[in-house]
Amino acid sequence: MKLPLALILPLASMLIGAAIAIGIGLSNLALAEAFSHNEPVAFAAALTILVVIVATLMSRNSPDPEDSHH
C-alpha cells in the first residue's frame, strides 16, 4: 500500500519542524549549561550551532536572490 504524496509531505514537514525545534532547544540547553559552569569553549560551540540553525532557517524562508533583480 503506497501512501499518497499529499499525506507524506505534511508529515515530512512536521518531522523537519520538530527536529529543528528540538535542535534549537538542545542548543539553548547546552548554552545555559556551558554558561553556568563557565566553559567558554562549550559555550562558543553551542552558540555556533544555534547561529547555524537560525541562519539556515532564515535563508530557506527568504526569497531567491535571483528574483530580486530589478
N, C-alpha and C. Protein backbone atom coordinates (compact mmCIF):
# COMPACT_ATOMS: atom_id res chain seq x y z
N MET A 1 0.84 -1.20 0.00
CA MET A 1 0.00 0.00 0.00
C MET A 1 0.88 1.25 0.00
N LYS A 2 0.73 2.08 -1.02
CA LYS A 2 1.52 3.31 -1.11
C LYS A 2 0.76 4.47 -0.49
N LEU A 3 1.48 5.25 0.29
CA LEU A 3 0.86 6.45 0.87
C LEU A 3 0.82 7.55 -0.18
N PRO A 4 -0.26 8.28 -0.25
CA PRO A 4 -0.33 9.39 -1.22
C PRO A 4 0.63 10.52 -0.83
N LEU A 5 1.13 11.19 -1.83
CA LEU A 5 2.09 12.28 -1.63
C LEU A 5 1.50 13.39 -0.76
N ALA A 6 0.19 13.61 -0.90
CA ALA A 6 -0.48 14.67 -0.13
C ALA A 6 -0.43 14.37 1.37
N LEU A 7 -0.25 13.10 1.71
CA LEU A 7 -0.17 12.72 3.12
C LEU A 7 1.28 12.73 3.60
N ILE A 8 2.20 12.39 2.71
CA ILE A 8 3.62 12.29 3.08
C ILE A 8 4.24 13.67 3.32
N LEU A 9 3.93 14.62 2.44
CA LEU A 9 4.56 15.95 2.54
C LEU A 9 4.28 16.67 3.85
N PRO A 10 3.02 16.75 4.30
CA PRO A 10 2.79 17.43 5.60
C PRO A 10 3.48 16.70 6.75
N LEU A 11 3.49 15.37 6.70
CA LEU A 11 4.16 14.61 7.76
C LEU A 11 5.65 14.89 7.76
N ALA A 12 6.24 14.93 6.58
CA ALA A 12 7.67 15.21 6.47
C ALA A 12 8.00 16.61 6.99
N SER A 13 7.17 17.58 6.63
CA SER A 13 7.45 18.94 7.09
C SER A 13 7.25 19.07 8.60
N MET A 14 6.30 18.31 9.14
CA MET A 14 6.11 18.31 10.59
C MET A 14 7.33 17.71 11.29
N LEU A 15 7.85 16.61 10.73
CA LEU A 15 9.03 15.97 11.31
C LEU A 15 10.25 16.90 11.24
N ILE A 16 10.41 17.58 10.12
CA ILE A 16 11.52 18.53 9.97
C ILE A 16 11.37 19.67 10.98
N GLY A 17 10.14 20.16 11.12
CA GLY A 17 9.89 21.24 12.07
C GLY A 17 10.19 20.81 13.50
N ALA A 18 9.80 19.57 13.83
CA ALA A 18 10.06 19.05 15.18
C ALA A 18 11.56 18.90 15.40
N ALA A 19 12.28 18.42 14.39
CA ALA A 19 13.73 18.24 14.51
C ALA A 19 14.42 19.59 14.72
N ILE A 20 13.96 20.61 13.99
CA ILE A 20 14.53 21.96 14.14
C ILE A 20 14.27 22.49 15.55
N ALA A 21 13.02 22.31 16.02
CA ALA A 21 12.67 22.79 17.36
C ALA A 21 13.50 22.10 18.43
N ILE A 22 13.68 20.78 18.27
CA ILE A 22 14.49 20.03 19.23
C ILE A 22 15.95 20.51 19.19
N GLY A 23 16.45 20.73 17.97
CA GLY A 23 17.83 21.22 17.82
C GLY A 23 18.04 22.56 18.51
N ILE A 24 17.09 23.47 18.31
CA ILE A 24 17.20 24.79 18.95
C ILE A 24 17.10 24.65 20.47
N GLY A 25 16.17 23.81 20.92
CA GLY A 25 16.01 23.59 22.36
C GLY A 25 17.26 23.01 23.00
N LEU A 26 17.86 22.01 22.33
CA LEU A 26 19.06 21.38 22.86
C LEU A 26 20.24 22.35 22.89
N SER A 27 20.37 23.16 21.84
CA SER A 27 21.50 24.09 21.85
C SER A 27 21.30 25.19 22.89
N ASN A 28 20.04 25.57 23.14
CA ASN A 28 19.77 26.53 24.22
C ASN A 28 20.13 25.92 25.57
N LEU A 29 19.80 24.65 25.75
CA LEU A 29 20.13 23.93 26.98
C LEU A 29 21.65 23.86 27.15
N ALA A 30 22.33 23.54 26.05
CA ALA A 30 23.80 23.45 26.09
C ALA A 30 24.40 24.82 26.41
N LEU A 31 23.81 25.87 25.85
CA LEU A 31 24.29 27.22 26.14
C LEU A 31 24.17 27.53 27.63
N ALA A 32 23.01 27.25 28.19
CA ALA A 32 22.78 27.54 29.61
C ALA A 32 23.73 26.72 30.49
N GLU A 33 23.91 25.45 30.13
CA GLU A 33 24.79 24.55 30.89
C GLU A 33 26.23 25.04 30.85
N ALA A 34 26.71 25.38 29.66
CA ALA A 34 28.09 25.84 29.50
C ALA A 34 28.30 27.17 30.22
N PHE A 35 27.29 28.03 30.16
CA PHE A 35 27.39 29.34 30.78
C PHE A 35 27.45 29.22 32.30
N SER A 36 26.62 28.32 32.85
CA SER A 36 26.58 28.19 34.31
C SER A 36 27.85 27.55 34.87
N HIS A 37 28.51 26.72 34.04
CA HIS A 37 29.76 26.09 34.51
C HIS A 37 30.99 26.86 34.05
N ASN A 38 30.75 28.01 33.38
CA ASN A 38 31.83 28.88 32.94
C ASN A 38 32.82 28.15 32.03
N GLU A 39 32.28 27.50 30.98
CA GLU A 39 33.12 26.82 29.99
C GLU A 39 33.00 27.55 28.66
N PRO A 40 33.94 28.45 28.38
CA PRO A 40 33.82 29.28 27.17
C PRO A 40 33.83 28.48 25.87
N VAL A 41 34.59 27.37 25.82
CA VAL A 41 34.68 26.59 24.58
C VAL A 41 33.34 25.93 24.27
N ALA A 42 32.75 25.31 25.28
CA ALA A 42 31.45 24.67 25.09
C ALA A 42 30.38 25.71 24.78
N PHE A 43 30.48 26.87 25.42
CA PHE A 43 29.53 27.95 25.18
C PHE A 43 29.62 28.42 23.73
N ALA A 44 30.85 28.61 23.26
CA ALA A 44 31.05 29.06 21.88
C ALA A 44 30.54 28.02 20.88
N ALA A 45 30.77 26.74 21.17
CA ALA A 45 30.31 25.67 20.29
C ALA A 45 28.78 25.65 20.20
N ALA A 46 28.12 25.73 21.35
CA ALA A 46 26.66 25.70 21.38
C ALA A 46 26.08 26.93 20.68
N LEU A 47 26.73 28.08 20.89
CA LEU A 47 26.27 29.32 20.26
C LEU A 47 26.42 29.22 18.74
N THR A 48 27.53 28.63 18.29
CA THR A 48 27.76 28.46 16.85
C THR A 48 26.69 27.58 16.23
N ILE A 49 26.35 26.47 16.90
CA ILE A 49 25.32 25.57 16.39
C ILE A 49 23.98 26.30 16.28
N LEU A 50 23.64 27.07 17.31
CA LEU A 50 22.38 27.81 17.32
C LEU A 50 22.34 28.82 16.18
N VAL A 51 23.44 29.53 15.97
CA VAL A 51 23.52 30.53 14.90
C VAL A 51 23.37 29.86 13.53
N VAL A 52 24.00 28.70 13.36
CA VAL A 52 23.91 27.97 12.09
C VAL A 52 22.47 27.55 11.82
N ILE A 53 21.78 27.04 12.86
CA ILE A 53 20.39 26.61 12.69
C ILE A 53 19.51 27.80 12.29
N VAL A 54 19.66 28.91 13.01
CA VAL A 54 18.83 30.09 12.73
C VAL A 54 19.15 30.66 11.34
N ALA A 55 20.43 30.70 10.98
CA ALA A 55 20.82 31.23 9.67
C ALA A 55 20.26 30.35 8.55
N THR A 56 20.28 29.04 8.76
CA THR A 56 19.72 28.11 7.76
C THR A 56 18.24 28.35 7.59
N LEU A 57 17.52 28.50 8.70
CA LEU A 57 16.09 28.76 8.65
C LEU A 57 15.79 30.05 7.90
N MET A 58 16.55 31.10 8.21
CA MET A 58 16.29 32.40 7.61
C MET A 58 16.61 32.37 6.12
N SER A 59 17.63 31.65 5.72
CA SER A 59 17.99 31.60 4.31
C SER A 59 16.96 30.78 3.53
N ARG A 60 16.36 29.79 4.17
CA ARG A 60 15.36 28.98 3.48
C ARG A 60 14.05 29.75 3.33
N ASN A 61 13.76 30.66 4.26
CA ASN A 61 12.50 31.39 4.22
C ASN A 61 12.57 32.63 3.33
N SER A 62 13.79 33.09 3.04
CA SER A 62 13.91 34.30 2.25
C SER A 62 13.70 33.96 0.77
N PRO A 63 13.22 34.94 0.01
CA PRO A 63 13.01 34.68 -1.43
C PRO A 63 14.34 34.49 -2.14
N ASP A 64 14.29 33.87 -3.30
CA ASP A 64 15.50 33.61 -4.08
C ASP A 64 16.21 34.91 -4.43
N PRO A 65 17.53 34.95 -4.30
CA PRO A 65 18.26 36.17 -4.70
C PRO A 65 18.10 36.43 -6.20
N GLU A 66 17.86 35.37 -6.99
CA GLU A 66 17.68 35.51 -8.42
C GLU A 66 16.45 36.36 -8.75
N ASP A 67 15.43 36.29 -7.89
CA ASP A 67 14.18 37.00 -8.15
C ASP A 67 14.26 38.48 -7.79
N SER A 68 15.29 38.89 -7.06
CA SER A 68 15.32 40.25 -6.53
C SER A 68 15.97 41.25 -7.48
N HIS A 69 16.36 40.82 -8.70
CA HIS A 69 16.95 41.76 -9.65
C HIS A 69 15.88 42.69 -10.19
N HIS A 70 16.16 44.00 -10.11
CA HIS A 70 15.17 44.97 -10.59
C HIS A 70 15.57 45.46 -11.96
